[in-house]
C-alpha cells in the first residue's frame, strides 16, 4: 500500500505524519503512562521526549495524524540493550490499524541515557516518519517523615476535632499516587517515619486575627506579613534529614472569614510542607501534594526575576504591578501550574485571571496536568525541571 496523502499547502507547512502523546486510559498495574515533553524542537530533542525509570514498563499513544487509519507502520528500538518494544511484538513489529494505537516498551534495568523509538513506514526497515526519545534514569529517593498534626492553644488538648482526619493508610495511598506523578522525573518520596504525636500549640495572631483550634493561620497573600505560624509548624517535632510533611485539618487566611482557604504550600529552605484535609478525589489531593513537593525540589523556581515567581505559568518578566500569566495548554499541562483546578470562574474565561477558557488539557475536564519538563527551551526560564529537581534531591539535606 503506497504511503500517499494529498494536501494543499500555502507557502510552506511542516508535515507531521504521526505524533506521540500520553496514553490517557487506565493502565494495568505495574505499567506507567507519563506525559511527554513535546514543546518545541531544540537540541538534543528534536521531537517529543519522555522520562522513565530503569526497568519501567511504559505505555504511550501513537496518532496517525495525517495518515489513513490503516497505513502500514512499524515500530523499532534504536538500541535494544537500552529499550525493548513489548507491544506490538518486535517481529514483525507492525502497529495495528487505527487513528490512535498504543505502544508498550520496557527500559533497561541497568542503562541510563537517551534512546529513540522509531516509527517506520511500510516495513521494519522502511523510512522513519516519527521518533520519540526516551530518557532513562536511575530512581532517586527522598526520605520523608509524615505527621498527623493537631493544632490547638493550651489549655486545650489534642482531640479528633483539631487533628487531621487523614489516617496513615490514607496518607500511604496519597503518597503512592504522588510517586506515580513523579515517576517520569525518576524521583520517589519514600516515607520511613510516621508521627502521630505532632502538636502545634504556639501559634500567634496575624493581621489582628487570633488563631483557632485545628487551623494553621497564615497571612493574607501580598500583605507583607511573614508566615510565622508556618515557620513554627516546620520546627514542631521534625525528623532530622527527612523531608517533613505535616497534614493538618485546615489552613486559614488571616481575614475576617478565613478565606481564601489554602490547600497546602511547601518550602525548600525549610525542607517541608503542609497539606490540609480535603474532600476532593485522590488524584486532586495527590496533585496538590506533588505540586508542593515540586516547590521543595525547585521546580519552576529558578531563573525568575522575583522569588514570588515559582510556577509554570509565571511570566519571567513578572513584577508586582504587572502580573502577567501564560495561558497556553502546555503551561496548564505542567505539574507546577499555579492552580490545581481550571473550572473556578476567577481563574478562567472572560473576567477571570486567565482570559483563555480551555479547561480540558488532556487530563479530564477542569484538571491541570502532571508534566515535569525535560527540555530546556531558551525562551522559558521556568524550564529544565527534570534536571533542577534531581540536582536539588542531591543537595536537599546538605548544609
Protein backbone atom coordinates (compact mmCIF):
# COMPACT_ATOMS: atom_id res chain seq x y z
CA UNK A 1 0.00 0.00 0.00
CA UNK A 2 1.63 3.31 -1.03
CA UNK A 3 2.00 5.88 1.76
CA UNK A 4 0.45 8.83 -0.05
CA UNK A 5 -1.63 11.78 1.08
CA UNK A 6 -2.66 14.90 -0.79
CA UNK A 7 -2.50 18.24 0.98
CA UNK A 8 -2.86 21.78 -0.28
CA UNK A 9 -0.08 23.96 1.16
CA UNK A 10 0.18 27.74 1.06
CA UNK A 11 3.84 28.79 1.06
CA UNK A 12 5.15 26.16 3.49
CA UNK A 13 3.97 23.82 6.22
CA UNK A 14 5.62 21.23 8.44
CA UNK A 15 4.23 17.80 7.63
CA UNK A 16 3.56 15.62 10.69
CA UNK A 17 2.56 12.13 9.51
CA UNK A 18 2.44 10.76 13.07
CA UNK A 19 2.82 12.09 16.59
CA UNK A 20 3.22 10.65 20.07
CA UNK A 21 1.04 11.56 23.03
CA UNK A 22 0.23 10.45 26.58
CA UNK A 23 -1.88 7.31 26.96
CA UNK A 24 -4.95 8.62 28.81
CA UNK A 25 -6.94 5.48 29.64
CA UNK A 26 -6.31 3.40 32.79
CA UNK A 27 -3.26 1.16 32.53
CA UNK A 28 -2.62 -2.27 34.07
CA UNK A 29 -0.91 -2.38 37.46
CA UNK A 30 2.84 -2.01 37.06
CA UNK A 31 2.57 0.00 33.84
CA UNK A 32 3.23 3.74 33.67
CA UNK A 33 1.69 6.28 31.30
CA UNK A 34 3.69 9.51 31.71
CA UNK A 35 3.16 12.80 29.92
CA UNK A 36 5.54 13.64 27.08
CA UNK A 37 7.51 16.85 26.83
CA UNK A 38 6.51 17.76 23.27
CA UNK A 39 7.16 21.51 23.49
CA UNK A 40 9.34 22.93 20.74
CA UNK A 41 12.24 21.49 18.80
CA UNK A 42 15.68 22.03 20.30
CA UNK A 43 18.87 20.02 20.63
CA UNK A 44 19.26 17.33 21.74
CA UNK A 45 15.50 16.68 21.46
CA UNK A 46 14.17 17.49 18.01
CA UNK A 47 10.82 15.98 18.88
CA UNK A 48 8.98 14.67 21.95
CA UNK A 49 10.86 13.19 24.91
CA UNK A 50 9.53 11.15 27.82
CA UNK A 51 11.17 10.27 31.13
CA UNK A 52 11.12 6.73 32.54
CA UNK A 53 12.97 4.86 35.28
CA UNK A 54 15.23 1.86 34.81
CA UNK A 55 13.21 -1.29 34.27
CA UNK A 56 9.86 0.51 33.88
CA UNK A 57 7.12 -0.83 31.63
CA UNK A 58 5.62 2.21 29.90
CA UNK A 59 2.75 2.85 27.51
CA UNK A 60 2.41 5.75 25.06
CA UNK A 61 -0.02 6.51 22.26
CA UNK A 62 0.86 6.94 18.60
CA UNK A 63 -1.51 9.06 16.50
CA UNK A 64 -1.76 8.69 12.72
CA UNK A 65 -2.08 12.45 12.44
CA UNK A 66 -2.04 12.83 8.66
CA UNK A 67 -2.23 9.21 7.55
CA UNK A 68 -5.17 6.94 6.89
CA UNK A 69 -6.02 4.65 9.79
CA UNK A 70 -4.70 1.52 8.07
CA UNK A 71 -1.42 2.98 6.81
CA UNK A 72 1.20 0.25 7.46
CA UNK A 73 3.50 1.38 10.27
CA UNK A 74 6.22 -0.48 12.15
CA UNK A 75 7.97 0.33 15.44
CA UNK A 76 11.61 -0.33 16.40
CA UNK A 77 14.01 0.48 19.22
CA UNK A 78 17.19 2.34 18.33
CA UNK A 79 19.12 0.27 20.90
CA UNK A 80 17.60 -2.93 22.29
CA UNK A 81 20.20 -3.01 25.09
CA UNK A 82 18.50 0.10 26.49
CA UNK A 83 14.87 -0.38 25.46
CA UNK A 84 12.73 -3.27 24.27
CA UNK A 85 9.44 -2.96 22.41
CA UNK A 86 6.88 -5.20 24.15
CA UNK A 87 3.71 -4.45 22.21
CA UNK A 88 3.41 -4.87 19.31
CA UNK A 89 5.81 -7.84 19.39
CA UNK A 90 9.11 -6.90 17.73
CA UNK A 91 8.74 -9.46 14.96
CA UNK A 92 7.08 -8.27 12.80
CA UNK A 93 6.62 -5.08 14.92
CA UNK A 94 3.66 -3.86 12.90
CA UNK A 95 1.24 -1.48 14.59
CA UNK A 96 -2.47 -2.29 14.43
CA UNK A 97 -4.85 -0.18 12.37
CA UNK A 98 -6.50 2.81 13.97
CA UNK A 99 -6.15 6.55 14.38
CA UNK A 100 -4.71 6.09 17.90
CA UNK A 101 -2.76 2.96 18.86
CA UNK A 102 -0.74 2.15 21.97
CA UNK A 103 2.90 1.11 22.20
CA UNK A 104 4.33 -0.68 25.26
CA UNK A 105 8.06 -0.73 25.94
CA UNK A 106 10.40 -1.65 28.78
CA UNK A 107 13.52 0.29 29.73
CA UNK A 108 16.75 -1.45 30.60
CA UNK A 109 17.28 -2.16 34.30
CA UNK A 110 20.98 -1.25 34.08
CA UNK A 111 21.45 1.50 31.46
CA UNK A 112 20.66 5.22 31.70
CA UNK A 113 20.51 7.83 28.96
CA UNK A 114 18.56 8.52 25.80
CA UNK A 115 17.23 6.02 23.29
CA UNK A 116 14.81 6.53 20.42
CA UNK A 117 11.63 4.70 19.49
CA UNK A 118 11.25 4.95 15.73
CA UNK A 119 8.17 4.63 13.54
CA UNK A 120 8.81 3.28 10.03
CA UNK A 121 6.52 3.33 7.02
CA UNK A 122 5.82 0.16 5.04
CA UNK A 123 8.37 -2.14 6.75
CA UNK A 124 10.66 -2.55 9.77
CA UNK A 125 13.49 -1.03 7.74
CA UNK A 126 11.28 1.49 5.94
CA UNK A 127 11.66 5.28 6.07
CA UNK A 128 11.37 6.85 9.52
CA UNK A 129 8.26 9.02 9.85
CA UNK A 130 8.34 9.66 13.60
CA UNK A 131 10.63 9.44 16.65
CA UNK A 132 10.16 9.53 20.41
CA UNK A 133 13.20 9.99 22.65
CA UNK A 134 13.01 8.00 25.88
CA UNK A 135 15.17 9.37 28.70
CA UNK A 136 16.03 6.56 31.14
CA UNK A 137 17.25 7.36 34.65
CA UNK A 138 18.07 5.64 37.91
CA UNK A 139 15.41 6.14 40.58
CA UNK A 140 16.43 8.60 43.30
CA UNK A 141 14.69 8.62 46.68
CA UNK A 142 13.80 11.43 49.05
CA UNK A 143 13.35 10.15 52.63
CA UNK A 144 10.20 11.58 54.22
CA UNK A 145 8.52 11.82 57.60
CA UNK A 146 4.74 12.31 57.72
CA UNK A 147 2.94 13.91 60.64
CA UNK A 148 -0.70 13.59 61.69
CA UNK A 149 -0.81 17.06 63.19
CA UNK A 150 -3.05 18.63 65.83
CA UNK A 151 -3.30 22.41 66.20
CA UNK A 152 -4.59 23.96 69.41
CA UNK A 153 -3.86 26.50 72.11
CA UNK A 154 -3.49 25.29 75.73
CA UNK A 155 -5.35 24.59 77.94
CA UNK A 156 -6.99 22.73 75.05
CA UNK A 157 -5.54 19.30 74.29
CA UNK A 158 -5.22 17.09 71.24
CA UNK A 159 -8.62 15.85 70.05
CA UNK A 160 -10.09 14.43 66.87
CA UNK A 161 -11.65 17.84 66.17
CA UNK A 162 -8.30 19.67 65.97
CA UNK A 163 -6.29 16.88 64.31
CA UNK A 164 -6.09 15.96 60.65
CA UNK A 165 -8.76 13.49 59.64
CA UNK A 166 -6.34 11.55 57.44
CA UNK A 167 -5.25 8.14 58.68
CA UNK A 168 -1.80 6.75 57.92
CA UNK A 169 -3.50 4.40 55.46
CA UNK A 170 -4.95 7.46 53.69
CA UNK A 171 -1.51 9.04 53.62
CA UNK A 172 0.06 5.87 52.19
CA UNK A 173 -2.47 5.82 49.35
CA UNK A 174 -1.85 9.51 48.75
CA UNK A 175 1.93 9.09 48.60
CA UNK A 176 1.58 6.19 46.15
CA UNK A 177 -0.34 8.47 43.81
CA UNK A 178 2.19 11.27 44.31
CA UNK A 179 5.02 8.92 43.36
CA UNK A 180 3.16 7.87 40.22
CA UNK A 181 3.10 11.53 39.15
CA UNK A 182 6.80 11.99 39.92
CA UNK A 183 7.94 8.74 38.29
CA UNK A 184 8.90 10.33 34.92
CA UNK A 185 11.39 12.51 36.80
CA UNK A 186 13.00 9.47 38.40
CA UNK A 187 12.25 10.59 41.97
CA UNK A 188 10.39 8.72 44.71
CA UNK A 189 9.29 10.17 48.04
CA UNK A 190 9.90 7.33 50.49
CA UNK A 191 8.10 7.54 53.84
CA UNK A 192 10.12 5.80 56.54
CA UNK A 193 8.77 7.69 59.58
CA UNK A 194 5.18 8.22 60.76
CA UNK A 195 4.49 10.53 63.70
CA UNK A 196 1.15 10.69 65.46
CA UNK A 197 2.26 12.98 68.29
CA UNK A 198 2.92 16.26 66.47
CA UNK A 199 1.09 19.17 68.11
CA UNK A 200 1.38 22.84 67.11
CA UNK A 201 0.47 24.77 70.28
CA UNK A 202 2.17 28.16 69.93
CA UNK A 203 0.51 29.95 67.01
CA UNK A 204 0.42 33.75 67.03
CA UNK A 205 -2.17 36.20 65.73
CA UNK A 206 -1.82 37.50 62.18
CA UNK A 207 -3.32 40.73 60.83
CA UNK A 208 -5.28 41.14 64.06
CA UNK A 209 -6.88 37.69 63.70
CA UNK A 210 -6.42 35.17 66.50
CA UNK A 211 -5.68 31.51 65.70
CA UNK A 212 -8.39 28.87 66.10
CA UNK A 213 -8.01 25.22 67.03
CA UNK A 214 -7.48 22.85 64.12
CA UNK A 215 -6.37 25.52 61.64
CA UNK A 216 -2.96 26.79 60.61
CA UNK A 217 -3.31 30.60 60.47
CA UNK A 218 -1.43 32.25 57.59
CA UNK A 219 -1.16 35.87 56.45
CA UNK A 220 -3.14 37.19 53.51
CA UNK A 221 -1.07 36.76 50.36
CA UNK A 222 0.61 40.03 49.47
CA UNK A 223 0.09 41.57 52.93
CA UNK A 224 3.82 41.68 53.61
CA UNK A 225 3.50 39.77 56.89
CA UNK A 226 5.82 36.82 57.31
CA UNK A 227 4.36 33.35 57.62
CA UNK A 228 5.37 32.93 61.25
CA UNK A 229 2.99 30.08 62.07
CA UNK A 230 4.23 28.02 59.13
CA UNK A 231 7.77 28.57 60.40
CA UNK A 232 6.69 27.38 63.84
CA UNK A 233 5.00 24.32 62.34
CA UNK A 234 8.18 23.39 60.46
CA UNK A 235 10.02 23.48 63.81
CA UNK A 236 7.47 21.23 65.55
CA UNK A 237 8.63 17.66 66.15
CA UNK A 238 10.67 17.45 62.91
CA UNK A 239 12.68 14.38 61.94
CA UNK A 240 16.27 15.20 61.06
CA UNK A 241 17.46 14.55 57.50
CA UNK A 242 13.92 13.93 56.33
CA UNK A 243 11.51 15.94 54.25
CA UNK A 244 8.78 16.60 56.83
CA UNK A 245 5.19 16.60 55.56
CA UNK A 246 2.59 17.93 58.00
CA UNK A 247 -1.05 17.00 57.47
CA UNK A 248 -3.46 19.42 59.18
CA UNK A 249 -7.22 19.78 59.33
CA UNK A 250 -7.36 23.26 57.80
CA UNK A 251 -5.26 26.19 56.57
CA UNK A 252 -6.97 29.56 57.11
CA UNK A 253 -6.06 33.05 55.97
CA UNK A 254 -5.86 35.94 58.44
CA UNK A 255 -9.02 37.57 57.10
CA UNK A 256 -12.46 38.14 58.61
CA UNK A 257 -13.90 34.89 57.22
CA UNK A 258 -10.67 32.89 56.90
CA UNK A 259 -10.74 32.98 53.11
CA UNK A 260 -9.15 32.08 50.86
CA UNK A 261 -8.52 28.65 52.39
CA UNK A 262 -5.19 27.24 51.27
CA UNK A 263 -4.78 23.57 50.38
CA UNK A 264 -1.05 23.49 51.02
CA UNK A 265 2.36 25.01 50.46
CA UNK A 266 5.98 24.00 50.83
CA UNK A 267 9.39 25.49 51.47
CA UNK A 268 12.67 24.30 50.01
CA UNK A 269 14.61 26.15 52.72
CA UNK A 270 12.55 24.50 55.49
CA UNK A 271 12.64 21.11 53.74
CA UNK A 272 8.98 20.62 54.49
CA UNK A 273 5.39 21.30 53.52
CA UNK A 274 1.89 21.42 54.95
CA UNK A 275 -1.27 19.99 53.38
CA UNK A 276 -4.83 20.48 54.62
CA UNK A 277 -7.62 17.91 54.68
CA UNK A 278 -9.68 17.75 51.51
CA UNK A 279 -12.89 16.20 50.25
CA UNK A 280 -11.51 16.15 46.69
CA UNK A 281 -10.79 12.92 44.84
CA UNK A 282 -7.46 11.14 45.34
CA UNK A 283 -5.89 12.44 42.11
CA UNK A 284 -6.65 16.06 43.01
CA UNK A 285 -5.30 15.62 46.54
CA UNK A 286 -2.16 13.94 45.20
CA UNK A 287 -1.71 16.66 42.59
CA UNK A 288 -1.76 19.27 45.36
CA UNK A 289 0.90 17.46 47.39
CA UNK A 290 3.01 16.60 44.31
CA UNK A 291 2.92 20.29 43.36
CA UNK A 292 4.05 21.42 46.82
CA UNK A 293 6.87 18.88 46.78
CA UNK A 294 7.82 20.43 43.44
CA UNK A 295 8.45 23.73 45.22
CA UNK A 296 10.79 21.96 47.62
CA UNK A 297 12.75 20.46 44.71
CA UNK A 298 12.94 23.83 42.90
CA UNK A 299 10.58 23.05 40.02
CA UNK A 300 9.88 26.27 38.10
CA UNK A 301 11.70 28.17 40.83
CA UNK A 302 14.92 29.04 39.02
CA UNK A 303 15.57 31.93 36.65
CA UNK A 304 12.76 34.27 37.72
CA UNK A 305 13.02 38.00 38.29
CA UNK A 306 11.49 37.77 41.78
CA UNK A 307 11.12 34.93 44.32
CA UNK A 308 7.30 35.06 44.09
CA UNK A 309 7.71 33.58 40.62
CA UNK A 310 7.71 29.83 41.15
CA UNK A 311 5.06 28.43 38.82
CA UNK A 312 4.95 27.18 35.26
CA UNK A 313 2.55 29.93 34.18
CA UNK A 314 4.54 32.81 35.67
CA UNK A 315 5.97 35.09 33.03
CA UNK A 316 9.73 35.52 33.66
CA UNK A 317 9.15 39.29 33.49
CA UNK A 318 6.65 39.17 36.40
CA UNK A 319 6.66 42.09 38.80
CA UNK A 320 4.34 43.35 41.49
CA UNK A 321 2.33 45.79 39.39
CA UNK A 322 2.01 43.80 36.15
CA UNK A 323 1.33 40.16 36.96
CA UNK A 324 1.47 38.62 33.53
CA UNK A 325 0.48 34.98 33.21
CA UNK A 326 0.81 32.43 30.44
CA UNK A 327 -2.42 30.93 29.17
CA UNK A 328 -1.23 28.18 26.82
CA UNK A 329 -2.14 24.50 27.01
CA UNK A 330 1.45 23.45 27.72
CA UNK A 331 1.59 25.62 30.85
CA UNK A 332 -1.68 24.12 32.06
CA UNK A 333 -0.38 20.59 31.46
CA UNK A 334 2.55 21.13 33.81
CA UNK A 335 2.63 19.98 37.43
CA UNK A 336 3.76 23.44 38.55
CA UNK A 337 0.80 25.29 37.04
CA UNK A 338 -0.42 27.80 39.63
CA UNK A 339 -3.84 26.25 40.19
CA UNK A 340 -4.73 22.58 40.52
CA UNK A 341 -8.22 23.12 39.09
CA UNK A 342 -9.27 25.05 35.99
CA UNK A 343 -13.00 25.48 36.49
CA UNK A 344 -13.23 28.31 39.03
CA UNK A 345 -14.65 31.46 37.46
CA UNK A 346 -11.88 33.62 38.92
CA UNK A 347 -9.27 31.59 37.02
CA UNK A 348 -10.57 31.11 33.50
CA UNK A 349 -12.84 32.66 30.95
CA UNK A 350 -13.94 36.24 30.47
CA UNK A 351 -13.21 38.37 33.52
CA UNK A 352 -11.02 35.73 35.14
CA UNK A 353 -7.32 35.77 35.84
CA UNK A 354 -6.78 33.79 32.64
CA UNK A 355 -8.68 35.02 29.62
CA UNK A 356 -8.13 31.70 27.83
CA UNK A 357 -11.08 29.44 28.67
CA UNK A 358 -9.68 26.00 27.76
CA UNK A 359 -10.35 23.71 30.71
CA UNK A 360 -9.56 20.28 29.23
CA UNK A 361 -5.84 19.86 28.57
CA UNK A 362 -5.86 16.08 28.28
CA UNK A 363 -6.35 15.16 31.95
CA UNK A 364 -10.11 15.48 32.07
CA UNK A 365 -12.39 18.47 32.31
CA UNK A 366 -11.15 21.05 34.80
CA UNK A 367 -7.86 19.32 35.64
CA UNK A 368 -4.39 20.71 35.10
CA UNK A 369 -1.64 18.24 34.24
CA UNK A 370 1.34 16.46 35.81
CA UNK A 371 4.07 17.15 33.25
CA UNK A 372 7.59 17.75 34.56
CA UNK A 373 9.64 19.28 31.77
CA UNK A 374 12.80 17.66 30.45
CA UNK A 375 13.62 20.12 27.68
CA UNK A 376 15.43 23.37 28.40
CA UNK A 377 13.93 25.82 25.93
CA UNK A 378 15.83 29.08 25.54
CA UNK A 379 12.78 31.33 25.97
CA UNK A 380 11.36 29.61 29.06
CA UNK A 381 13.20 30.34 32.29
CA UNK A 382 10.89 28.01 34.24
CA UNK A 383 12.14 25.08 32.17
CA UNK A 384 14.63 22.24 32.73
CA UNK A 385 12.62 20.93 35.70
CA UNK A 386 13.87 17.34 35.44
CA UNK A 387 17.49 18.41 35.97
CA UNK A 388 16.58 21.03 38.60
CA UNK A 389 14.65 18.50 40.71
CA UNK A 390 17.33 15.83 40.57
CA UNK A 391 20.03 18.37 41.44
CA UNK A 392 18.01 19.58 44.42
CA UNK A 393 17.43 16.00 45.59
CA UNK A 394 21.20 15.53 45.76
CA UNK A 395 21.67 18.65 47.92
CA UNK A 396 18.44 18.66 49.93
CA UNK A 397 19.97 17.66 53.26
CA UNK A 398 23.40 19.24 52.87
CA UNK A 399 24.19 22.42 54.84
